[in-house]
Amino acid sequence: MRRVFLESNGYNMIGFIFSDGMVAFDCTTIDEAIHMDYSGVRGCKSAEEAAVNCNTEVIPFIEDEWESVVEIGEIKIARQNAGISQQQMSNLFDIPKRTIENWESGSRSCPEWAEDMIVEKLNRFQHRRPIMQAIARQIDWLWDVICNPKNEGKDMTAHEDDIIALANEYFSLRGHSGRVSFVAGMDDEVNTVSAIRDMVYQDRVEDNESC
């Protein structure tokens, strides 16, 4: 099933396209279409079944009849709200980037059970981002303290341990709880902390560049 926002001569609809046709409902804006309750359509295998559930009719979908046809994919919306790129989502869920591209373009359909699970996880991730950003800022502050020339020769072990602990928390929220462990065996504690801080910094750069 494809979910699309349709526009033609100021007339807007949300359409649910199946292999046997489409069921459609009036709506004003794409935002209204995105947030519309379509429980009567979800789970249906055909337009005929959806039409019966929603007490409406099956109509043909002819794309050329519409001035604009915009795909409305729940996964794309949830991903963008979470602030991550398709590549980051691919890494997070171990799903090929091309598969995500196909889902979001509408060229392939994601099974509904999988879509529900992915959207739920992306929504949870969205709420974690402010926490992750706060942790990253704290790591930067601790690193600045360690690198301050005024603190040369001082014991910075507590600050270094704090950075490692915070980085573990950061990547646990990101979904990569073991990511810090690969540098944990370094002999030089400062180099270990520097490498971990750089990982967090690079992750934040990618986050800012994501779409």
Protein backbone atom coordinates (compact mmCIF):
# COMPACT_ATOMS: atom_id res chain seq x y z
CA MET A 1 0.00 0.00 0.00
CA ARG A 2 1.17 3.51 -0.86
CA ARG A 3 -0.02 6.57 1.03
CA VAL A 4 0.03 9.75 -1.03
CA PHE A 5 -1.04 13.39 -0.78
CA LEU A 6 -2.84 14.42 -3.97
CA GLU A 7 -3.33 17.95 -5.29
CA SER A 8 -5.23 19.20 -8.33
CA ASN A 9 -6.80 22.63 -8.95
CA GLY A 10 -6.90 23.42 -5.24
CA TYR A 11 -8.55 20.09 -4.42
CA ASN A 12 -6.55 17.97 -1.99
CA MET A 13 -6.94 14.35 -0.91
CA ILE A 14 -5.03 11.63 0.84
CA GLY A 15 -5.00 8.45 -1.17
CA PHE A 16 -4.24 4.86 -0.20
CA ILE A 17 -3.17 2.99 -3.31
CA PHE A 18 -3.45 -0.80 -3.65
CA SER A 19 -3.00 -3.08 -6.63
CA ASP A 20 -6.76 -3.03 -7.30
CA GLY A 21 -7.27 0.74 -6.99
CA MET A 22 -7.37 3.50 -4.42
CA VAL A 23 -9.45 4.74 -1.54
CA ALA A 24 -9.19 8.47 -0.89
CA PHE A 25 -10.37 11.05 1.63
CA ASP A 26 -10.57 14.84 1.59
CA CYS A 27 -7.93 16.77 3.50
CA THR A 28 -6.67 20.33 3.47
CA THR A 29 -2.91 20.11 3.91
CA ILE A 30 -0.15 17.52 3.78
CA ASP A 31 0.33 17.98 7.54
CA GLU A 32 -3.30 16.99 8.08
CA ALA A 33 -2.76 14.01 5.79
CA ILE A 34 0.33 12.92 7.71
CA HIS A 35 -1.49 12.95 11.05
CA MET A 36 -4.78 11.53 9.81
CA ASP A 37 -6.10 8.42 11.55
CA TYR A 38 -6.21 5.67 8.96
CA SER A 39 -6.78 2.68 11.21
CA GLY A 40 -9.60 1.54 8.90
CA VAL A 41 -7.09 1.17 6.06
CA ARG A 42 -4.14 -0.23 7.98
CA GLY A 43 -3.77 -3.96 7.56
CA CYS A 44 -6.00 -4.15 4.48
CA LYS A 45 -4.74 -6.22 1.57
CA SER A 46 -6.82 -4.54 -1.10
CA ALA A 47 -8.62 -1.31 -1.90
CA GLU A 48 -11.88 -3.21 -1.87
CA GLU A 49 -11.30 -4.36 1.71
CA ALA A 50 -10.32 -0.84 2.78
CA ALA A 51 -13.39 0.62 1.08
CA VAL A 52 -15.66 -1.74 2.98
CA ASN A 53 -13.97 -0.91 6.30
CA CYS A 54 -14.22 2.84 5.67
CA ASN A 55 -17.65 2.86 4.03
CA THR A 56 -16.34 4.43 0.82
CA GLU A 57 -15.66 3.44 -2.78
CA VAL A 58 -12.70 2.17 -4.73
CA ILE A 59 -11.52 4.62 -7.39
CA PRO A 60 -8.80 4.22 -10.00
CA PHE A 61 -5.47 5.90 -9.40
CA ILE A 62 -4.28 7.71 -12.53
CA GLU A 63 -1.22 9.72 -11.62
CA ASP A 64 -1.39 12.03 -14.63
CA GLU A 65 -4.76 13.34 -13.44
CA TRP A 66 -3.11 15.01 -10.44
CA GLU A 67 -0.90 18.09 -10.46
CA SER A 68 1.09 16.79 -7.51
CA VAL A 69 1.52 13.34 -5.98
CA VAL A 70 3.60 13.35 -2.78
CA GLU A 71 4.54 10.10 -1.07
CA ILE A 72 3.72 10.05 2.64
CA GLY A 73 5.91 7.41 4.25
CA GLU A 74 5.71 6.94 8.00
CA ILE A 75 9.29 5.71 8.09
CA LYS A 76 10.60 8.81 6.29
CA ILE A 77 8.63 11.15 8.56
CA ALA A 78 9.82 9.35 11.71
CA ARG A 79 13.43 9.31 10.43
CA GLN A 80 13.41 13.02 9.67
CA ASN A 81 11.83 13.79 13.04
CA ALA A 82 14.60 11.76 14.67
CA GLY A 83 17.14 13.90 12.82
CA ILE A 84 19.11 11.07 11.23
CA SER A 85 20.12 10.39 7.64
CA GLN A 86 19.23 7.31 5.64
CA GLN A 87 22.81 6.06 6.13
CA GLN A 88 22.60 6.57 9.90
CA MET A 89 19.29 4.71 9.96
CA SER A 90 20.90 1.93 7.93
CA ASN A 91 23.68 1.64 10.51
CA LEU A 92 21.25 1.85 13.42
CA PHE A 93 18.86 -0.86 12.21
CA ASP A 94 21.26 -2.92 10.06
CA ILE A 95 19.03 -2.35 7.03
CA PRO A 96 20.58 -1.70 3.59
CA LYS A 97 20.44 1.98 2.65
CA ARG A 98 18.96 1.08 -0.74
CA THR A 99 16.06 -0.69 0.99
CA ILE A 100 15.33 2.45 3.03
CA GLU A 101 15.48 4.56 -0.14
CA ASN A 102 13.00 2.21 -1.83
CA TRP A 103 10.62 2.35 1.12
CA GLU A 104 10.71 6.12 1.30
CA SER A 105 10.26 6.61 -2.46
CA GLY A 106 7.34 4.18 -2.55
CA SER A 107 9.01 1.86 -5.06
CA ARG A 108 8.84 -0.94 -2.48
CA SER A 109 6.58 -1.45 0.51
CA CYS A 110 7.81 -2.17 4.00
CA PRO A 111 5.77 -4.89 5.76
CA GLU A 112 3.40 -3.20 8.19
CA TRP A 113 4.68 -5.13 11.22
CA ALA A 114 8.23 -4.00 10.40
CA GLU A 115 7.11 -0.42 9.68
CA ASP A 116 5.36 -0.21 13.06
CA MET A 117 8.48 -1.48 14.86
CA ILE A 118 10.85 0.85 12.99
CA VAL A 119 8.64 3.92 13.49
CA GLU A 120 8.31 3.17 17.21
CA LYS A 121 12.09 2.91 17.61
CA LEU A 122 12.68 6.07 15.59
CA ASN A 123 10.15 7.95 17.73
CA ARG A 124 11.97 6.80 20.88
CA PHE A 125 15.26 7.87 19.35
CA GLN A 126 13.84 11.33 18.63
CA HIS A 127 13.28 11.88 22.36
CA ARG A 128 16.82 10.73 23.18
CA ARG A 129 18.58 13.32 21.02
CA PRO A 130 18.39 16.25 23.49
CA ILE A 131 19.88 13.98 26.17
CA MET A 132 22.65 12.89 23.80
CA GLN A 133 23.42 16.50 22.88
CA ALA A 134 23.68 17.44 26.57
CA ILE A 135 26.03 14.51 27.21
CA ALA A 136 28.20 15.52 24.24
CA ARG A 137 28.47 19.09 25.54
CA GLN A 138 29.53 17.76 28.93
CA ILE A 139 32.20 15.60 27.28
CA ASP A 140 33.51 18.66 25.41
CA TRP A 141 33.69 20.65 28.66
CA LEU A 142 35.60 17.88 30.44
CA TRP A 143 37.99 17.55 27.51
CA ASP A 144 38.66 21.30 27.57
CA VAL A 145 39.49 21.03 31.28
CA ILE A 146 41.91 18.17 30.63
CA CYS A 147 43.62 20.06 27.76
CA ASN A 148 43.87 23.36 29.62
CA PRO A 149 47.59 24.21 30.04
CA LYS A 150 46.84 25.35 33.59
CA ASN A 151 46.06 21.74 34.47
CA GLU A 152 49.27 20.26 33.04
CA GLY A 153 50.78 17.81 35.51
CA LYS A 154 47.56 17.53 37.51
CA ASP A 155 45.79 14.22 38.02
CA MET A 156 42.92 14.21 35.48
CA THR A 157 41.98 10.57 36.03
CA ALA A 158 38.52 11.39 37.40
CA HIS A 159 37.73 13.59 34.40
CA GLU A 160 39.00 10.94 31.99
CA ASP A 161 36.88 8.27 33.67
CA ASP A 162 33.88 10.61 33.45
CA ILE A 163 34.38 11.05 29.70
CA ILE A 164 34.53 7.29 29.15
CA ALA A 165 31.38 6.76 31.23
CA LEU A 166 29.53 9.56 29.43
CA ALA A 167 30.61 8.28 26.02
CA ASN A 168 29.31 4.82 26.89
CA GLU A 169 25.99 6.40 27.86
CA TYR A 170 25.95 8.47 24.66
CA PHE A 171 26.48 5.51 22.34
CA SER A 172 24.09 3.36 24.34
CA LEU A 173 21.39 5.94 23.57
CA ARG A 174 22.56 5.99 19.95
CA GLY A 175 22.10 2.21 19.77
CA HIS A 176 25.80 1.28 19.64
CA SER A 177 26.47 0.32 23.24
CA GLY A 178 29.77 -1.47 22.44
CA ARG A 179 31.27 1.27 20.30
CA VAL A 180 33.59 2.65 22.99
CA SER A 181 35.13 -0.71 23.87
CA PHE A 182 37.45 -0.95 20.85
CA VAL A 183 39.71 1.83 22.16
CA ALA A 184 39.56 0.76 25.80
CA GLY A 185 42.75 -1.28 25.49
CA MET A 186 45.03 1.64 24.65
CA ASP A 187 48.03 1.95 26.93
CA ASP A 188 47.91 5.74 27.02
CA GLU A 189 44.83 6.84 28.96
CA VAL A 190 44.85 10.33 27.47
CA ASN A 191 44.94 8.93 23.92
CA THR A 192 42.07 6.62 24.86
CA VAL A 193 39.96 9.53 26.07
CA SER A 194 40.95 11.66 23.06
CA ALA A 195 39.87 8.91 20.64
CA ILE A 196 36.56 8.46 22.47
CA ARG A 197 35.91 12.21 22.51
CA ASP A 198 36.69 12.32 18.76
CA MET A 199 34.14 9.54 18.13
CA VAL A 200 31.42 11.52 19.87
CA TYR A 201 32.44 14.70 18.03
CA GLN A 202 32.34 12.96 14.63
CA ASP A 203 28.97 11.45 15.42
CA ARG A 204 27.62 14.93 16.22
CA VAL A 205 29.01 16.28 12.92
CA GLU A 206 27.21 13.52 11.03
CA ASP A 207 24.08 14.26 13.04
CA ASN A 208 24.18 17.92 12.02
CA GLU A 209 24.66 16.96 8.36
CA SER A 210 21.81 14.44 8.40
CA CYS A 211 18.51 15.08 6.70
